[in-house]
Amino acid sequence: MVAWKRRKSYAHRFLHQTGQTLKTKKKKKKKKKKKKKKKKKKKKKKKYAYGFVPSLHQQRTKQTNLSL
């Protein structure tokens, strides 16, 4: 038996006769750290000229390239 356990058991036995209890230290629970949420980056809107539609523009350029 480990020495501190033996001492503890003796103390318990002695205190039990007197009707007291041995006050032991309680272990403190470790607090869990909260994980930080990553902020989502906002996509920047591409600035096009008024009335310019990129998808239509691509189609037009493809057609013109094919016709050449």
N, C-alpha and C. Protein backbone atom coordinates (compact mmCIF):
# COMPACT_ATOMS: atom_id res chain seq x y z
N MET A 1 0.85 -1.20 0.00
CA MET A 1 0.00 0.00 0.00
C MET A 1 0.88 1.25 0.00
N VAL A 2 0.44 2.25 -0.70
CA VAL A 2 1.18 3.51 -0.78
C VAL A 2 1.03 4.26 0.55
N ALA A 3 2.10 4.96 0.90
CA ALA A 3 2.15 5.62 2.21
C ALA A 3 0.99 6.58 2.44
N TRP A 4 0.69 7.39 1.43
CA TRP A 4 -0.38 8.39 1.63
C TRP A 4 -1.74 7.72 1.78
N LYS A 5 -1.90 6.57 1.12
CA LYS A 5 -3.17 5.84 1.25
C LYS A 5 -3.29 5.29 2.67
N ARG A 6 -2.15 4.80 3.19
CA ARG A 6 -2.16 4.23 4.54
C ARG A 6 -2.51 5.31 5.55
N ARG A 7 -1.84 6.45 5.41
CA ARG A 7 -2.11 7.57 6.33
C ARG A 7 -3.57 7.99 6.25
N LYS A 8 -4.09 8.03 5.05
CA LYS A 8 -5.47 8.44 4.83
C LYS A 8 -6.43 7.47 5.52
N SER A 9 -6.14 6.16 5.36
CA SER A 9 -7.03 5.16 5.95
C SER A 9 -6.98 5.23 7.48
N TYR A 10 -5.79 5.48 8.05
CA TYR A 10 -5.67 5.64 9.50
C TYR A 10 -6.51 6.82 9.95
N ALA A 11 -6.36 7.92 9.22
CA ALA A 11 -7.09 9.14 9.57
C ALA A 11 -8.59 8.90 9.51
N HIS A 12 -9.04 8.20 8.48
CA HIS A 12 -10.46 7.90 8.34
C HIS A 12 -10.96 7.07 9.53
N ARG A 13 -10.16 6.08 9.90
CA ARG A 13 -10.54 5.20 11.01
C ARG A 13 -10.66 6.00 12.31
N PHE A 14 -9.67 6.86 12.55
CA PHE A 14 -9.65 7.64 13.77
C PHE A 14 -10.81 8.63 13.81
N LEU A 15 -11.03 9.32 12.70
CA LEU A 15 -12.08 10.33 12.64
C LEU A 15 -13.47 9.69 12.70
N HIS A 16 -13.57 8.48 12.18
CA HIS A 16 -14.85 7.78 12.19
C HIS A 16 -15.35 7.55 13.62
N GLN A 17 -14.39 7.31 14.52
CA GLN A 17 -14.75 7.10 15.93
C GLN A 17 -15.33 8.37 16.54
N THR A 18 -14.78 9.51 16.13
CA THR A 18 -15.24 10.77 16.71
C THR A 18 -16.46 11.32 15.97
N GLY A 19 -16.80 10.68 14.85
CA GLY A 19 -17.98 11.12 14.10
C GLY A 19 -17.70 12.26 13.14
N GLN A 20 -16.43 12.47 12.87
CA GLN A 20 -16.07 13.51 11.91
C GLN A 20 -15.66 12.87 10.58
N THR A 21 -15.50 13.69 9.60
CA THR A 21 -15.05 13.16 8.30
C THR A 21 -13.81 13.90 7.85
N LEU A 22 -13.02 13.22 7.07
CA LEU A 22 -11.80 13.82 6.56
C LEU A 22 -12.12 14.64 5.32
N LYS A 23 -11.69 15.87 5.36
CA LYS A 23 -11.97 16.74 4.21
C LYS A 23 -10.85 16.56 3.18
N THR A 24 -11.24 16.10 2.01
CA THR A 24 -10.25 15.90 0.95
C THR A 24 -10.50 16.91 -0.17
N LYS A 25 -9.44 17.24 -0.84
CA LYS A 25 -9.55 18.21 -1.93
C LYS A 25 -10.18 17.54 -3.15
N LYS A 26 -11.09 18.25 -3.77
CA LYS A 26 -11.69 17.75 -4.99
C LYS A 26 -10.89 18.25 -6.18
N LYS A 27 -10.78 17.42 -7.20
CA LYS A 27 -10.06 17.83 -8.40
C LYS A 27 -10.92 18.81 -9.19
N LYS A 28 -10.30 19.86 -9.65
CA LYS A 28 -11.02 20.84 -10.46
C LYS A 28 -11.14 20.32 -11.88
N LYS A 29 -12.31 20.50 -12.45
CA LYS A 29 -12.51 20.08 -13.84
C LYS A 29 -11.95 21.14 -14.76
N LYS A 30 -11.27 20.69 -15.80
CA LYS A 30 -10.72 21.63 -16.77
C LYS A 30 -11.83 22.08 -17.71
N LYS A 31 -11.86 23.38 -17.97
CA LYS A 31 -12.85 23.90 -18.89
C LYS A 31 -12.38 23.68 -20.32
N LYS A 32 -13.31 23.25 -21.16
CA LYS A 32 -12.97 23.04 -22.56
C LYS A 32 -12.97 24.38 -23.28
N LYS A 33 -11.98 24.58 -24.12
CA LYS A 33 -11.91 25.82 -24.89
C LYS A 33 -12.87 25.72 -26.06
N LYS A 34 -13.59 26.81 -26.29
CA LYS A 34 -14.50 26.84 -27.42
C LYS A 34 -13.72 27.13 -28.69
N LYS A 35 -14.06 26.40 -29.74
CA LYS A 35 -13.39 26.62 -31.01
C LYS A 35 -14.00 27.84 -31.69
N LYS A 36 -13.13 28.67 -32.23
CA LYS A 36 -13.61 29.86 -32.94
C LYS A 36 -14.08 29.46 -34.33
N LYS A 37 -15.22 30.00 -34.71
CA LYS A 37 -15.74 29.72 -36.04
C LYS A 37 -15.02 30.60 -37.05
N LYS A 38 -14.66 29.98 -38.17
CA LYS A 38 -13.99 30.75 -39.22
C LYS A 38 -15.03 31.56 -39.98
N LYS A 39 -14.68 32.81 -40.24
CA LYS A 39 -15.59 33.67 -40.99
C LYS A 39 -15.47 33.34 -42.47
N LYS A 40 -16.61 33.24 -43.12
CA LYS A 40 -16.59 32.98 -44.56
C LYS A 40 -16.29 34.28 -45.29
N LYS A 41 -15.41 34.16 -46.27
CA LYS A 41 -15.07 35.34 -47.06
C LYS A 41 -16.16 35.58 -48.09
N LYS A 42 -16.58 36.83 -48.19
CA LYS A 42 -17.60 37.18 -49.17
C LYS A 42 -16.94 37.32 -50.54
N LYS A 43 -17.59 36.73 -51.52
CA LYS A 43 -17.07 36.84 -52.88
C LYS A 43 -17.40 38.24 -53.41
N LYS A 44 -16.39 38.85 -54.00
CA LYS A 44 -16.61 40.18 -54.56
C LYS A 44 -17.33 40.05 -55.89
N LYS A 45 -18.33 40.89 -56.08
CA LYS A 45 -19.05 40.89 -57.34
C LYS A 45 -18.20 41.59 -58.39
N LYS A 46 -18.12 40.97 -59.55
CA LYS A 46 -17.36 41.60 -60.62
C LYS A 46 -18.17 42.77 -61.16
N LYS A 47 -17.49 43.87 -61.37
CA LYS A 47 -18.19 45.06 -61.86
C LYS A 47 -18.13 45.09 -63.38
N TYR A 48 -19.27 44.95 -63.97
CA TYR A 48 -19.36 44.98 -65.43
C TYR A 48 -20.02 46.27 -65.87
N ALA A 49 -19.80 46.58 -67.10
CA ALA A 49 -20.43 47.78 -67.67
C ALA A 49 -21.94 47.55 -67.72
N TYR A 50 -22.68 48.64 -67.71
CA TYR A 50 -24.14 48.56 -67.69
C TYR A 50 -24.64 47.81 -68.92
N GLY A 51 -25.47 46.78 -68.67
CA GLY A 51 -26.05 46.01 -69.77
C GLY A 51 -25.13 44.93 -70.31
N PHE A 52 -23.96 44.75 -69.70
CA PHE A 52 -23.02 43.73 -70.16
C PHE A 52 -23.30 42.42 -69.45
N VAL A 53 -23.56 41.36 -70.19
CA VAL A 53 -23.79 40.05 -69.59
C VAL A 53 -22.66 39.14 -70.04
N PRO A 54 -21.78 38.72 -69.10
CA PRO A 54 -20.59 37.96 -69.47
C PRO A 54 -20.89 36.66 -70.20
N SER A 55 -21.96 35.95 -69.79
CA SER A 55 -22.28 34.67 -70.42
C SER A 55 -22.66 34.87 -71.89
N LEU A 56 -23.42 35.92 -72.16
CA LEU A 56 -23.82 36.22 -73.54
C LEU A 56 -22.60 36.63 -74.37
N HIS A 57 -21.74 37.39 -73.74
CA HIS A 57 -20.54 37.87 -74.40
C HIS A 57 -19.66 36.69 -74.85
N GLN A 58 -19.54 35.69 -73.96
CA GLN A 58 -18.74 34.50 -74.28
C GLN A 58 -19.33 33.79 -75.50
N GLN A 59 -20.66 33.64 -75.49
CA GLN A 59 -21.33 32.97 -76.60
C GLN A 59 -21.08 33.71 -77.91
N ARG A 60 -21.16 35.03 -77.86
CA ARG A 60 -20.97 35.85 -79.06
C ARG A 60 -19.55 35.72 -79.60
N THR A 61 -18.59 35.75 -78.66
CA THR A 61 -17.19 35.66 -79.10
C THR A 61 -16.91 34.30 -79.71
N LYS A 62 -17.50 33.25 -79.14
CA LYS A 62 -17.32 31.91 -79.70
C LYS A 62 -17.87 31.85 -81.12
N GLN A 63 -19.05 32.44 -81.30
CA GLN A 63 -19.69 32.42 -82.63
C GLN A 63 -18.84 33.17 -83.66
N THR A 64 -18.34 34.32 -83.24
CA THR A 64 -17.55 35.14 -84.18
C THR A 64 -16.25 34.43 -84.53
N ASN A 65 -15.65 33.78 -83.52
CA ASN A 65 -14.40 33.05 -83.77
C ASN A 65 -14.63 31.89 -84.73
N LEU A 66 -15.78 31.23 -84.58
CA LEU A 66 -16.10 30.10 -85.44
C LEU A 66 -16.34 30.56 -86.88
N SER A 67 -17.02 31.69 -86.99
CA SER A 67 -17.36 32.19 -88.33
C SER A 67 -16.12 32.67 -89.09
N LEU A 68 -15.08 33.07 -88.33
CA LEU A 68 -13.84 33.53 -88.98
C LEU A 68 -13.11 32.39 -89.56
